[in-house]
Amino acid sequence: MAKNIINGPYLLDPRATQITVAWEAIVPQAFKVTARAADGTEHPGAVAYQREEKCQEYPQGACVYTAVIEGLEPATEYAYTITGDGEVAAASFTTLPESPEHLHLLTLSDSHLFHNSAFFKKVIAQEAPEFILHGGDISFGTGYQHDQYQDNWFHKIPELLARVPAYYIHGNHDDGPFYDAFFTATQGRTVHTADGGNTFSFDYGPAHFTLIDSNPWGLFEMNAVNSEMPLDRETRKRIDDTLKWIEEDLTSPAAKKAKWRILMMHHPYTDPFNNRYIVPIAERCKAQLVLGGHLHYYIKSVSVDPKVGARTVYICEGSAQDPEAEYTPAREEKRLFSEFPEVTAKGRSNYGILDVTEKAIDYRLYGFRQDGSPELVDTIHLTHDEPEITFTDIELRRLDNNGNVEVRALAENRGTSMAEAVIHLLDNKCEHAINLFGNEENSQVAVLEPGRSASSRPSIRLCSPVSTRCASAKRS
């Protein structure tokens, strides 16, 4: 009997009482899907399919199937089978807890050729994440190439995908019909979305997750600008509609109720279009963690707005393709990125482990050594406590007679979370919030981990040329 199922099964949109099983078949067939609990209780899946675009491998276009299985018990293991015309595919999954107090997830981005796939199998076995968040770019080519998904993803980790669910968002390399068939349409069947599954959100435990397709601006608008061409009306409307939906989602009762608001998209904080569109929404809606990828190296940033600071942290994940682990912290003498004084670290990473409780987010970034062993690259620890940066040994020094002064101080983080140092300087009832330190050309934010201290030396021009005796620095 010829094999009809060519990719999958793979799991999507996991919940406490529901899950989606997906697979790809060469031709349409009367498939049945059943999940069976240990006590023998069976739950059938509601099966649907759509025909893909034609491709070289499948001139008639293959078929992507989904089966939504409902009525399941929380935190319960189920064995499931896909049967059709004598062919059987079988695996197992575990539903999510109903109201978990602790989330344990794995994140990755830009897996492309996925040379690290064997290493990831070991990490998944050791970490046992509840689900995976993929930040885009499964394809090394484009989303118009069917073989990119088969060769670089489904055939690299088939057993893992059959038992560990994942959420996916577009990367720029994923633009095309085959990514959409495998992930957009299949997720779009059940997730909370306004555009068929490109951008969507879900709630789990203490967190609200918003996953965003950033290609409309990070790819399409960027191409138009670089080509000195006007952006077409359809894409402009798509951008406007998506941004409106994101803000409505992040201000919804569910998002406001959540202890944490976490965003994920392919393009990072340093992308000019993402910085223009997403950063204001994220900070206005008080998102605490924003994840991106695309650049193939690790970047940690905080808000450049001193009113926000490290209350919103931006992470660019490195590529998951090849083993690499590297970390470079910001140095006072020179910015890591000349245009971004708010970048506090860079390096190389392959994946992240995200732990979330009501009280804290702990995000650990890892890279693989050449032998496949993981190496910790960086850690991010966030709490709800207000920043508690204290300043001692404060000195004001006049630099000239034009109102320019230098402030010297020792900053210490006595709080429970990473925090951005901000000096509030009062000058004749005019308050300056200073969060850029060092010489003007290389001034940058100073972010301190709990218990850490650092000297700071910002320069500033006062509201009007005055004696430095008229100015005072507030201790926060």
Protein backbone atom coordinates (compact mmCIF):
# COMPACT_ATOMS: atom_id res chain seq x y z
CA MET A 1 0.00 0.00 0.00
CA ALA A 2 1.43 3.38 -1.00
CA LYS A 3 1.86 5.88 1.82
CA ASN A 4 -0.53 8.82 1.57
CA ILE A 5 0.46 10.81 4.68
CA ILE A 6 3.67 12.64 3.78
CA ASN A 7 4.09 15.16 6.63
CA GLY A 8 2.89 15.06 10.20
CA PRO A 9 1.05 14.58 12.34
CA TYR A 10 1.89 17.84 14.13
CA LEU A 11 0.07 19.57 16.97
CA LEU A 12 -1.32 23.12 17.12
CA ASP A 13 -3.23 25.45 19.45
CA PRO A 14 -3.06 23.35 22.65
CA ARG A 15 -5.61 24.00 25.37
CA ALA A 16 -6.90 22.37 28.55
CA THR A 17 -9.83 20.67 26.81
CA GLN A 18 -8.94 20.89 23.11
CA ILE A 19 -6.13 20.45 20.61
CA THR A 20 -5.64 20.55 16.82
CA VAL A 21 -3.93 17.70 14.99
CA ALA A 22 -2.66 18.45 11.47
CA TRP A 23 -1.05 16.40 8.72
CA GLU A 24 -0.44 16.48 4.97
CA ALA A 25 -1.59 13.85 2.49
CA ILE A 26 -0.94 13.42 -1.22
CA VAL A 27 -4.60 12.91 -2.16
CA PRO A 28 -7.93 13.44 -0.38
CA GLN A 29 -9.03 10.54 1.76
CA ALA A 30 -11.69 9.74 4.37
CA PHE A 31 -9.46 10.09 7.43
CA LYS A 32 -10.66 9.55 10.98
CA VAL A 33 -8.93 10.86 14.10
CA THR A 34 -9.50 9.51 17.59
CA ALA A 35 -7.91 10.42 20.92
CA ARG A 36 -8.09 7.75 23.63
CA ALA A 37 -7.53 8.32 27.37
CA ALA A 38 -6.00 5.71 29.68
CA ASP A 39 -9.47 4.72 30.90
CA GLY A 40 -10.57 3.94 27.35
CA THR A 41 -12.63 7.08 26.79
CA GLU A 42 -12.50 8.07 23.12
CA HIS A 43 -12.84 11.51 21.56
CA PRO A 44 -13.25 11.84 17.77
CA GLY A 45 -11.77 14.79 15.91
CA ALA A 46 -13.67 17.01 13.51
CA VAL A 47 -11.68 16.56 10.29
CA ALA A 48 -11.36 19.16 7.50
CA TYR A 49 -8.87 19.74 4.72
CA GLN A 50 -7.80 22.21 2.08
CA ARG A 51 -5.99 21.61 -1.18
CA GLU A 52 -2.57 23.27 -1.44
CA GLU A 53 -1.08 25.14 -4.35
CA LYS A 54 0.47 22.95 -7.02
CA CYS A 55 4.20 22.31 -6.73
CA GLN A 56 6.93 20.32 -8.42
CA GLU A 57 6.63 17.45 -5.98
CA TYR A 58 2.82 17.33 -6.13
CA PRO A 59 1.54 18.65 -9.47
CA GLN A 60 -2.10 18.36 -8.39
CA GLY A 61 -1.43 20.00 -5.03
CA ALA A 62 -1.31 17.99 -1.81
CA CYS A 63 -3.89 18.30 0.99
CA VAL A 64 -3.42 19.69 4.51
CA TYR A 65 -5.80 18.17 7.05
CA THR A 66 -6.77 19.35 10.50
CA ALA A 67 -8.74 17.57 13.19
CA VAL A 68 -9.99 19.60 16.15
CA ILE A 69 -10.45 17.33 19.15
CA GLU A 70 -12.69 18.78 21.86
CA GLY A 71 -14.15 17.72 25.20
CA LEU A 72 -10.82 16.56 26.63
CA GLU A 73 -9.82 16.51 30.28
CA PRO A 74 -7.16 19.00 31.45
CA ALA A 75 -3.62 17.80 32.15
CA THR A 76 -4.37 14.36 30.73
CA GLU A 77 -2.36 12.20 28.36
CA TYR A 78 -4.11 10.90 25.27
CA ALA A 79 -2.99 8.44 22.61
CA TYR A 80 -4.28 9.47 19.21
CA THR A 81 -4.52 7.80 15.83
CA ILE A 82 -5.10 8.97 12.29
CA THR A 83 -6.56 6.23 10.10
CA GLY A 84 -7.45 6.19 6.42
CA ASP A 85 -7.70 3.35 3.90
CA GLY A 86 -5.60 1.04 6.06
CA GLU A 87 -2.92 3.63 6.84
CA VAL A 88 -2.35 4.49 10.51
CA ALA A 89 -0.37 7.31 12.13
CA ALA A 90 -0.19 7.29 15.90
CA ALA A 91 1.32 9.37 18.70
CA SER A 92 0.29 10.95 22.01
CA PHE A 93 -0.20 14.38 23.57
CA THR A 94 -0.95 15.83 26.99
CA THR A 95 -3.56 18.55 27.37
CA LEU A 96 -2.64 21.73 29.21
CA PRO A 97 -3.60 22.29 32.86
CA GLU A 98 -6.79 24.29 33.43
CA SER A 99 -5.32 27.18 35.45
CA PRO A 100 -1.57 26.66 35.72
CA GLU A 101 0.44 28.70 38.17
CA HIS A 102 3.70 28.08 36.29
CA LEU A 103 4.27 28.08 32.52
CA HIS A 104 7.30 26.34 31.06
CA LEU A 105 7.77 27.03 27.34
CA LEU A 106 10.47 26.88 24.66
CA THR A 107 11.05 29.65 22.10
CA LEU A 108 13.09 29.63 18.91
CA SER A 109 13.34 31.55 15.65
CA ASP A 110 15.00 31.36 12.25
CA SER A 111 15.49 27.59 12.24
CA HIS A 112 16.01 27.56 8.43
CA LEU A 113 18.16 24.50 7.55
CA PHE A 114 17.92 23.47 11.21
CA HIS A 115 21.31 21.81 11.58
CA ASN A 116 20.64 21.89 15.34
CA SER A 117 17.62 19.59 15.08
CA ALA A 118 19.29 16.64 16.85
CA PHE A 119 20.35 18.94 19.70
CA PHE A 120 16.81 20.28 20.00
CA LYS A 121 15.42 16.80 20.42
CA LYS A 122 17.57 16.37 23.51
CA VAL A 123 16.58 19.79 24.89
CA ILE A 124 12.89 19.03 24.42
CA ALA A 125 13.31 15.71 26.22
CA GLN A 126 15.13 17.41 29.11
CA GLU A 127 12.97 20.54 29.43
CA ALA A 128 9.57 19.01 28.56
CA PRO A 129 8.00 22.36 27.56
CA GLU A 130 4.23 22.59 27.46
CA PHE A 131 4.46 24.01 23.96
CA ILE A 132 6.86 25.73 21.54
CA LEU A 133 6.71 29.30 20.21
CA HIS A 134 8.35 29.56 16.77
CA GLY A 135 9.24 33.11 15.72
CA GLY A 136 9.33 32.48 11.97
CA ASP A 137 11.67 31.61 9.11
CA ILE A 138 11.32 27.85 8.89
CA SER A 139 12.07 28.16 5.20
CA PHE A 140 15.61 28.87 4.03
CA GLY A 141 14.14 29.95 0.70
CA THR A 142 10.55 31.19 0.57
CA GLY A 143 7.07 30.15 1.53
CA TYR A 144 6.52 29.33 -2.14
CA GLN A 145 8.73 26.23 -1.85
CA HIS A 146 6.98 23.17 -0.50
CA ASP A 147 10.20 21.22 0.04
CA GLN A 148 11.55 23.85 2.46
CA TYR A 149 8.98 22.87 5.10
CA GLN A 150 9.20 19.17 4.48
CA ASP A 151 13.00 18.98 4.49
CA ASN A 152 13.80 21.65 7.12
CA TRP A 153 11.05 21.06 9.66
CA PHE A 154 8.65 18.13 9.34
CA HIS A 155 11.29 15.56 8.41
CA LYS A 156 13.88 16.91 10.85
CA ILE A 157 11.88 16.42 14.09
CA PRO A 158 8.76 14.36 13.20
CA GLU A 159 8.40 12.48 16.50
CA LEU A 160 8.78 15.69 18.48
CA LEU A 161 6.15 17.56 16.44
CA ALA A 162 3.72 14.66 16.82
CA ARG A 163 3.69 14.99 20.62
CA VAL A 164 4.72 18.59 21.47
CA PRO A 165 2.37 21.34 20.24
CA ALA A 166 3.60 24.62 18.80
CA TYR A 167 2.44 28.07 17.76
CA TYR A 168 3.90 29.63 14.61
CA ILE A 169 4.20 33.11 13.12
CA HIS A 170 5.45 34.26 9.72
CA GLY A 171 9.06 35.11 9.04
CA ASN A 172 10.06 37.04 5.94
CA HIS A 173 11.26 33.78 4.37
CA ASP A 174 7.85 32.22 5.10
CA ASP A 175 5.84 34.54 2.89
CA GLY A 176 4.00 32.25 0.50
CA PRO A 177 1.22 29.69 0.11
CA PHE A 178 2.91 26.70 1.71
CA TYR A 179 3.59 28.36 5.04
CA ASP A 180 -0.01 29.56 4.97
CA ALA A 181 -1.33 26.07 4.23
CA PHE A 182 0.76 24.38 6.92
CA PHE A 183 0.34 26.94 9.70
CA THR A 184 -1.80 30.03 9.03
CA ALA A 185 -4.95 28.25 7.92
CA THR A 186 -4.56 25.37 10.37
CA GLN A 187 -4.09 27.65 13.39
CA GLY A 188 -6.70 30.04 12.04
CA ARG A 189 -9.36 27.39 12.46
CA THR A 190 -9.37 27.77 16.26
CA VAL A 191 -7.25 30.70 17.50
CA HIS A 192 -8.58 34.16 18.36
CA THR A 193 -7.84 36.07 15.16
CA ALA A 194 -9.32 38.64 12.83
CA ASP A 195 -7.32 37.72 9.71
CA GLY A 196 -7.50 33.95 9.41
CA GLY A 197 -4.53 33.15 11.65
CA ASN A 198 -1.76 35.54 10.59
CA THR A 199 -1.98 37.56 13.81
CA PHE A 200 -3.68 36.03 16.82
CA SER A 201 -3.72 35.79 20.60
CA PHE A 202 -4.41 33.35 23.39
CA ASP A 203 -4.46 33.26 27.17
CA TYR A 204 -2.66 30.67 29.26
CA GLY A 205 -2.27 30.79 33.01
CA PRO A 206 -1.12 34.26 34.15
CA ALA A 207 -0.10 35.40 30.65
CA HIS A 208 -1.73 36.85 27.57
CA PHE A 209 0.18 36.08 24.37
CA THR A 210 -0.19 38.13 21.19
CA LEU A 211 1.56 36.65 18.13
CA ILE A 212 1.98 39.09 15.26
CA ASP A 213 2.66 38.77 11.55
CA SER A 214 5.14 41.63 11.06
CA ASN A 215 5.70 41.00 7.35
CA PRO A 216 3.25 43.68 6.15
CA TRP A 217 5.65 46.37 7.41
CA GLY A 218 8.90 44.49 8.06
CA LEU A 219 8.93 42.98 4.56
CA PHE A 220 6.39 44.57 2.21
CA GLU A 221 6.60 48.21 3.33
CA MET A 222 10.36 47.91 3.71
CA ASN A 223 10.63 46.66 0.11
CA ALA A 224 8.46 49.52 -1.12
CA VAL A 225 10.53 52.14 0.69
CA ASN A 226 13.82 50.65 -0.45
CA SER A 227 12.52 50.56 -4.03
CA GLU A 228 11.31 54.15 -3.72
CA MET A 229 7.83 52.98 -4.62
CA PRO A 230 4.54 53.92 -2.95
CA LEU A 231 3.00 51.28 -0.72
CA ASP A 232 -0.07 49.73 -2.33
CA ARG A 233 -3.44 50.44 -0.74
CA GLU A 234 -4.14 46.81 0.13
CA THR A 235 -0.94 46.48 2.18
CA ARG A 236 -1.50 49.86 3.86
CA LYS A 237 -4.99 48.75 4.88
CA ARG A 238 -3.62 45.44 6.11
CA ILE A 239 -1.05 47.27 8.25
CA ASP A 240 -3.62 49.65 9.67
CA ASP A 241 -6.11 46.85 10.38
CA THR A 242 -3.46 44.68 12.03
CA LEU A 243 -2.17 47.47 14.26
CA LYS A 244 -5.71 48.37 15.28
CA TRP A 245 -6.46 44.74 16.12
CA ILE A 246 -3.26 44.42 18.19
CA GLU A 247 -4.12 47.43 20.30
CA GLU A 248 -7.70 46.27 20.77
CA ASP A 249 -6.43 42.85 21.75
CA LEU A 250 -3.93 44.22 24.29
CA THR A 251 -6.60 46.43 25.87
CA SER A 252 -9.22 43.67 25.95
CA PRO A 253 -10.56 42.46 29.32
CA ALA A 254 -8.58 39.22 28.94
CA ALA A 255 -5.29 41.04 28.34
CA LYS A 256 -5.89 43.52 31.15
CA LYS A 257 -6.74 40.69 33.53
CA ALA A 258 -3.51 38.83 32.70
CA LYS A 259 -0.52 39.40 34.97
CA TRP A 260 1.77 39.45 31.95
CA ARG A 261 1.40 40.56 28.33
CA ILE A 262 3.89 38.88 26.01
CA LEU A 263 4.26 39.73 22.31
CA MET A 264 6.05 37.70 19.67
CA MET A 265 6.77 38.54 16.04
CA HIS A 266 9.53 37.90 13.55
CA HIS A 267 11.03 41.36 13.18
CA PRO A 268 12.95 42.75 16.17
CA TYR A 269 12.96 45.98 18.14
CA THR A 270 15.79 47.41 16.04
CA ASP A 271 13.85 47.00 12.79
CA PRO A 272 12.84 50.58 11.85
CA PHE A 273 9.28 49.69 10.86
CA ASN A 274 8.71 47.47 13.86
CA ASN A 275 10.12 50.23 16.06
CA ARG A 276 7.74 52.72 14.49
CA TYR A 277 4.59 50.60 14.71
CA ILE A 278 4.88 48.02 17.49
CA VAL A 279 6.95 49.76 20.17
CA PRO A 280 4.42 52.56 20.85
CA ILE A 281 1.58 50.03 21.11
CA ALA A 282 3.56 47.66 23.31
CA GLU A 283 4.53 50.42 25.74
CA ARG A 284 1.15 52.13 25.68
CA CYS A 285 -0.55 48.81 26.47
CA LYS A 286 2.07 47.89 29.09
CA ALA A 287 3.42 44.73 27.48
CA GLN A 288 6.30 43.47 29.58
CA LEU A 289 8.13 41.19 27.13
CA VAL A 290 8.41 41.52 23.34
CA LEU A 291 10.17 38.77 21.38
CA GLY A 292 11.58 38.98 17.86
CA GLY A 293 14.19 37.34 15.64
CA HIS A 294 15.22 37.84 12.00
CA LEU A 295 18.77 39.16 12.52
CA HIS A 296 20.29 35.80 13.54
CA TYR A 297 21.93 37.23 16.64
CA TYR A 298 20.85 37.97 20.18
CA ILE A 299 19.93 41.53 21.24
CA LYS A 300 18.51 42.71 24.56
CA SER A 301 16.93 46.16 24.73
CA VAL A 302 14.74 48.16 27.07
CA SER A 303 12.55 51.16 26.38
CA VAL A 304 14.41 54.37 25.66
CA ASP A 305 11.52 56.22 27.33
CA PRO A 306 12.60 56.82 30.95
CA LYS A 307 8.96 56.54 32.06
CA VAL A 308 8.93 52.94 30.81
CA GLY A 309 12.53 51.74 31.08
CA ALA A 310 12.89 48.03 31.82
CA ARG A 311 9.16 47.67 32.42
CA THR A 312 9.13 46.64 28.75
CA VAL A 313 12.00 44.40 27.63
CA TYR A 314 12.70 43.58 23.99
CA ILE A 315 14.53 40.39 23.02
CA CYS A 316 15.82 39.46 19.58
CA GLU A 317 16.50 35.73 19.50
CA GLY A 318 19.43 34.35 17.59
CA SER A 319 19.07 31.81 14.79
CA ALA A 320 18.27 28.21 15.70
CA GLN A 321 20.02 26.92 12.58
CA ASP A 322 23.65 26.37 13.68
CA PRO A 323 25.32 25.99 17.09
CA GLU A 324 26.56 29.28 18.55
CA ALA A 325 26.69 30.87 22.00
CA GLU A 326 28.11 34.33 22.69
CA TYR A 327 27.41 37.27 25.00
CA THR A 328 28.64 40.87 24.93
CA PRO A 329 27.30 43.35 27.51
CA ALA A 330 27.09 47.07 26.91
CA ARG A 331 30.24 49.05 27.72
CA GLU A 332 30.27 52.64 28.90
CA GLU A 333 32.79 53.78 26.33
CA LYS A 334 30.84 52.72 23.20
CA ARG A 335 27.30 51.77 22.20
CA LEU A 336 26.69 48.25 20.96
CA PHE A 337 24.48 49.73 18.20
CA SER A 338 25.21 53.32 17.27
CA GLU A 339 21.53 54.21 16.69
CA PHE A 340 20.17 52.43 19.76
CA PRO A 341 21.46 53.59 23.16
CA GLU A 342 18.81 51.35 24.75
CA VAL A 343 20.51 48.10 23.61
CA THR A 344 22.11 46.58 26.69
CA ALA A 345 23.55 43.31 25.37
CA LYS A 346 24.15 41.36 22.19
CA GLY A 347 25.46 37.93 21.28
CA ARG A 348 24.47 34.63 19.73
CA SER A 349 21.77 32.24 20.93
CA ASN A 350 19.77 29.28 19.61
CA TYR A 351 16.69 29.01 21.83
CA GLY A 352 15.02 30.30 24.97
CA ILE A 353 13.33 28.73 27.99
CA LEU A 354 10.47 30.89 29.22
CA ASP A 355 9.13 30.37 32.74
CA VAL A 356 6.16 32.46 33.81
CA THR A 357 4.38 32.69 37.16
CA GLU A 358 2.03 35.31 38.55
CA LYS A 359 4.96 36.99 40.28
CA ALA A 360 7.79 36.74 37.76
CA ILE A 361 9.04 36.07 34.25
CA ASP A 362 12.31 34.19 33.99
CA TYR A 363 13.64 33.93 30.46
CA ARG A 364 16.87 32.05 29.86
CA LEU A 365 18.59 32.25 26.48
CA TYR A 366 20.85 29.37 25.44
CA GLY A 367 23.18 28.53 22.62
CA PHE A 368 24.61 25.17 21.63
CA ARG A 369 28.30 24.38 21.77
CA GLN A 370 29.69 22.41 18.84
CA ASP A 371 29.19 19.15 20.75
CA GLY A 372 25.50 19.95 21.24
CA SER A 373 25.68 20.80 24.93
CA PRO A 374 23.72 23.92 25.88
CA GLU A 375 25.46 27.06 27.15
CA LEU A 376 23.59 29.79 29.03
CA VAL A 377 23.87 33.09 27.14
CA ASP A 378 21.73 35.45 29.22
CA THR A 379 18.89 35.59 31.75
CA ILE A 380 16.02 38.07 32.09
CA HIS A 381 14.21 38.31 35.42
CA LEU A 382 11.10 40.51 35.59
CA THR A 383 8.73 41.14 38.49
CA HIS A 384 5.78 43.47 39.07
CA ASP A 385 7.62 45.45 41.74
CA GLU A 386 8.36 49.07 40.95
CA PRO A 387 12.01 49.83 40.08
CA GLU A 388 14.10 50.62 43.14
CA ILE A 389 17.26 52.31 41.90
CA THR A 390 18.98 54.40 44.56
CA PHE A 391 21.67 57.01 43.90
CA THR A 392 24.47 57.94 46.27
CA ASP A 393 27.59 60.09 46.03
CA ILE A 394 25.73 62.58 43.81
CA GLU A 395 27.84 65.40 42.40
CA LEU A 396 26.93 68.24 40.04
CA ARG A 397 29.76 69.78 38.03
CA ARG A 398 29.41 72.82 35.79
CA LEU A 399 30.96 72.21 32.39
CA ASP A 400 30.68 75.75 30.98
CA ASN A 401 28.78 79.01 31.31
CA ASN A 402 26.01 77.93 28.91
CA GLY A 403 24.04 75.86 31.40
CA ASN A 404 25.70 72.52 30.68
CA VAL A 405 26.36 70.41 33.75
CA GLU A 406 27.59 66.91 34.46
CA VAL A 407 25.94 64.71 37.08
CA ARG A 408 28.01 62.05 38.80
CA ALA A 409 26.35 59.36 40.93
CA LEU A 410 26.58 55.75 42.03
CA ALA A 411 23.43 53.81 41.10
CA GLU A 412 22.37 50.61 42.89
CA ASN A 413 19.42 48.34 42.12
CA ARG A 414 17.81 47.43 45.44
CA GLY A 415 14.69 46.03 43.80
CA THR A 416 13.65 42.54 42.73
CA SER A 417 13.73 43.01 38.94
CA MET A 418 16.11 44.33 36.32
CA ALA A 419 15.69 48.10 36.18
CA GLU A 420 16.84 51.11 34.20
CA ALA A 421 18.67 53.86 36.06
CA VAL A 422 16.94 57.24 35.78
CA ILE A 423 18.16 60.43 37.46
CA HIS A 424 15.51 63.11 38.05
CA LEU A 425 17.14 66.54 37.96
CA LEU A 426 15.22 69.61 39.13
CA ASP A 427 16.25 72.92 37.59
CA ASN A 428 14.17 75.97 38.56
CA LYS A 429 11.00 73.82 38.69
CA CYS A 430 11.88 72.18 35.38
CA GLU A 431 12.38 68.43 35.80
CA HIS A 432 14.69 66.39 33.61
CA ALA A 433 14.45 62.59 33.59
CA ILE A 434 17.94 61.48 32.59
CA ASN A 435 18.45 57.90 31.44
CA LEU A 436 21.33 58.27 28.97
CA PHE A 437 24.79 58.14 30.51
CA GLY A 438 28.31 58.66 29.22
CA ASN A 439 29.63 61.04 26.57
CA GLU A 440 27.05 62.43 24.16
CA GLU A 441 28.15 60.39 21.14
CA ASN A 442 28.02 57.09 23.04
CA SER A 443 25.50 57.89 25.74
CA GLN A 444 23.34 54.88 26.62
CA VAL A 445 20.92 53.49 29.16
CA ALA A 446 22.21 51.75 32.26
CA VAL A 447 20.27 48.62 33.22
CA LEU A 448 21.09 46.96 36.50
CA GLU A 449 20.20 43.50 37.73
CA PRO A 450 19.01 43.21 41.36
CA GLY A 451 21.85 43.87 43.78
CA ARG A 452 24.13 45.37 41.13
CA SER A 453 25.56 48.90 41.12
CA ALA A 454 27.28 51.14 38.58
CA SER A 455 28.59 54.67 38.32
CA SER A 456 26.77 57.05 36.00
CA ARG A 457 27.88 60.29 34.41
CA PRO A 458 25.28 62.00 32.22
CA SER A 459 25.64 65.50 30.82
CA ILE A 460 22.69 67.80 30.31
CA ARG A 461 21.86 71.37 29.37
CA LEU A 462 19.65 72.99 31.98
CA CYS A 463 16.41 74.85 31.13
CA SER A 464 18.30 78.12 31.30
CA PRO A 465 21.89 78.97 32.09
CA VAL A 466 22.02 79.03 35.88
CA SER A 467 24.41 78.41 38.68
CA THR A 468 24.74 74.70 39.47
CA ARG A 469 23.71 75.61 43.02
CA CYS A 470 20.15 76.08 41.69
CA ALA A 471 19.97 72.51 40.44
CA SER A 472 19.47 69.38 42.52
CA ALA A 473 19.28 65.69 41.75
CA LYS A 474 16.49 63.62 43.31
CA ARG A 475 17.30 60.27 44.85
CA SER A 476 14.84 57.65 43.65
